[in-house]
C-alpha atoms as a PDB file:
ATOM      1  CA  MET A   1     -16.594  -8.182  26.391  1.00  0.00           C
ATOM      2  CA  PRO A   2     -13.666  -6.431  27.947  1.00  0.00           C
ATOM      3  CA  ASN A   3     -13.882  -6.126  31.719  1.00  0.00           C
ATOM      4  CA  THR A   4     -11.072  -3.722  32.681  1.00  0.00           C
ATOM      5  CA  LYS A   5     -10.827  -0.144  31.902  1.00  0.00           C
ATOM      6  CA  SER A   6      -7.603  -0.535  29.937  1.00  0.00           C
ATOM      7  CA  ALA A   7      -9.143  -3.377  27.879  1.00  0.00           C
ATOM      8  CA  ILE A   8     -12.120  -1.133  27.112  1.00  0.00           C
ATOM      9  CA  ARG A   9      -9.786   1.645  25.889  1.00  0.00           C
ATOM     10  CA  ARG A  10      -7.751  -0.836  23.905  1.00  0.00           C
ATOM     11  CA  VAL A  11     -10.935  -2.023  22.014  1.00  0.00           C
ATOM     12  CA  ARG A  12     -11.693   1.581  21.069  1.00  0.00           C
ATOM     13  CA  ARG A  13      -8.065   2.108  19.872  1.00  0.00           C
ATOM     14  CA  VAL A  14      -8.071  -1.166  17.822  1.00  0.00           C
ATOM     15  CA  LYS A  15     -11.267  -0.141  16.021  1.00  0.00           C
ATOM     16  CA  LYS A  16      -9.560   3.180  14.919  1.00  0.00           C
ATOM     17  CA  GLN A  17      -6.462   1.324  13.921  1.00  0.00           C
ATOM     18  CA  THR A  18      -8.462  -1.172  11.902  1.00  0.00           C
ATOM     19  CA  ILE A  19     -10.118   1.536   9.918  1.00  0.00           C
ATOM     20  CA  THR A  20      -6.865   3.359   9.055  1.00  0.00           C
ATOM     21  CA  ASN A  21      -5.152   0.078   8.183  1.00  0.00           C
ATOM     22  CA  ARG A  22      -8.077  -0.734   5.747  1.00  0.00           C
ATOM     23  CA  LEU A  23      -7.732   2.587   4.124  1.00  0.00           C
ATOM     24  CA  ARG A  24      -3.965   2.115   3.766  1.00  0.00           C
ATOM     25  CA  LYS A  25      -4.269  -1.351   2.290  1.00  0.00           C
ATOM     26  CA  SER A  26      -6.967  -0.110  -0.056  1.00  0.00           C
ATOM     27  CA  LYS A  27      -4.649   2.723  -1.226  1.00  0.00           C
ATOM     28  CA  TYR A  28      -1.893   0.118  -1.706  1.00  0.00           C
ATOM     29  CA  ARG A  29      -4.044  -2.325  -3.753  1.00  0.00           C
ATOM     30  CA  SER A  30      -5.435   0.515  -5.930  1.00  0.00           C
ATOM     31  CA  ALA A  31      -1.935   1.753  -6.658  1.00  0.00           C
ATOM     32  CA  VAL A  32      -0.810  -1.753  -7.699  1.00  0.00           C
ATOM     33  CA  LYS A  33      -3.899  -2.266  -9.949  1.00  0.00           C
ATOM     34  CA  HIS A  34      -3.558   1.214 -11.561  1.00  0.00           C
ATOM     35  CA  MET A  35       0.093   0.504 -12.315  1.00  0.00           C
ATOM     36  CA  GLU A  36      -0.671  -2.890 -13.903  1.00  0.00           C
ATOM     37  CA  GLU A  37      -3.373  -1.221 -16.022  1.00  0.00           C
ATOM     38  CA  LEU A  38      -0.876   1.415 -17.213  1.00  0.00           C
ATOM     39  CA  ILE A  39       1.671  -1.201 -18.127  1.00  0.00           C
ATOM     40  CA  LYS A  40      -0.934  -3.256 -20.026  1.00  0.00           C
ATOM     41  CA  SER A  41      -2.118  -0.134 -21.932  1.00  0.00           C
ATOM     42  CA  GLY A  42       1.452   0.368 -23.131  1.00  0.00           C
ATOM     43  CA  LYS A  43       1.576   4.115 -22.342  1.00  0.00           C
ATOM     44  CA  LYS A  44       5.297   4.431 -21.481  1.00  0.00           C
ATOM     45  CA  THR A  45       5.311   8.139 -20.608  1.00  0.00           C
ATOM     46  CA  GLU A  46       2.354   7.804 -18.220  1.00  0.00           C
ATOM     47  CA  VAL A  47       3.896   4.668 -16.637  1.00  0.00           C
ATOM     48  CA  LYS A  48       7.179   6.512 -15.958  1.00  0.00           C
ATOM     49  CA  LYS A  49       5.317   9.495 -14.508  1.00  0.00           C
ATOM     50  CA  TYR A  50       3.309   7.335 -12.219  1.00  0.00           C
ATOM     51  CA  PHE A  51       6.126   4.988 -11.191  1.00  0.00           C
ATOM     52  CA  SER A  52       7.655   7.511  -8.622  1.00  0.00           C
ATOM     53  CA  LYS A  53       4.268   8.107  -7.062  1.00  0.00           C
ATOM     54  CA  PHE A  54       3.606   4.374  -7.024  1.00  0.00           C
ATOM     55  CA  GLN A  55       6.989   3.780  -5.113  1.00  0.00           C
ATOM     56  CA  SER A  56       6.002   6.590  -2.688  1.00  0.00           C
ATOM     57  CA  ILE A  57       2.589   5.097  -1.950  1.00  0.00           C
ATOM     58  CA  LEU A  58       4.022   1.668  -1.353  1.00  0.00           C
ATOM     59  CA  MET A  59       6.715   2.857   0.951  1.00  0.00           C
ATOM     60  CA  GLN A  60       4.326   5.042   2.933  1.00  0.00           C
ATOM     61  CA  VAL A  61       2.094   2.118   3.538  1.00  0.00           C
ATOM     62  CA  ALA A  62       4.920  -0.104   4.446  1.00  0.00           C
ATOM     63  CA  LYS A  63       6.346   2.565   6.845  1.00  0.00           C
ATOM     64  CA  SER A  64       2.979   2.619   8.645  1.00  0.00           C
ATOM     65  CA  GLY A  65       3.108  -1.124   9.081  1.00  0.00           C
ATOM     66  CA  ALA A  66      -0.018  -1.871   7.124  1.00  0.00           C
ATOM     67  CA  ILE A  67       2.058  -4.155   4.807  1.00  0.00           C
ATOM     68  CA  ASN A  68       5.581  -5.510   5.323  1.00  0.00           C
ATOM     69  CA  LYS A  69       8.480  -3.462   3.995  1.00  0.00           C
ATOM     70  CA  ARG A  70       9.847  -6.422   2.058  1.00  0.00           C
ATOM     71  CA  THR A  71       6.398  -6.981   0.306  1.00  0.00           C
ATOM     72  CA  ALA A  72       6.520  -3.384  -0.818  1.00  0.00           C
ATOM     73  CA  SER A  73      10.101  -3.615  -2.088  1.00  0.00           C
ATOM     74  CA  ARG A  74       9.181  -6.888  -3.956  1.00  0.00           C
ATOM     75  CA  LYS A  75       6.330  -5.184  -5.673  1.00  0.00           C
ATOM     76  CA  ILE A  76       8.406  -2.256  -6.679  1.00  0.00           C
ATOM     77  CA  SER A  77      11.179  -4.514  -7.981  1.00  0.00           C
ATOM     78  CA  LYS A  78       8.783  -6.560 -10.068  1.00  0.00           C
ATOM     79  CA  ILE A  79       7.255  -3.533 -11.630  1.00  0.00           C
ATOM     80  CA  SER A  80      10.574  -1.967 -12.428  1.00  0.00           C
ATOM     81  CA  LYS A  81      11.679  -5.161 -14.101  1.00  0.00           C
ATOM     82  CA  LYS A  82       8.554  -4.910 -16.249  1.00  0.00           C
ATOM     83  CA  LEU A  83       9.435  -1.328 -17.200  1.00  0.00           C
ATOM     84  CA  SER A  84      12.949  -2.149 -18.193  1.00  0.00           C
ATOM     85  CA  LYS A  85      11.810  -4.631 -20.788  1.00  0.00           C
END
């Protein structure tokens, strides 16, 4: 248990941050899964439409710090390579 007043406040703050980070990571994972499903289905037009939104979601999550910026870039790069084939 935290003893000092600042430590108590910090615990409350960390709880809030944990909740928001979980939401962001969930958003990130679902975007990646959705993109993979679209690629497997072979619907090129839907994939191209969703790709810009996919990039946006990943960069938003990376900007907030829930995932690393390089991780997001790597995911985007891999998906774009799959699209170019």
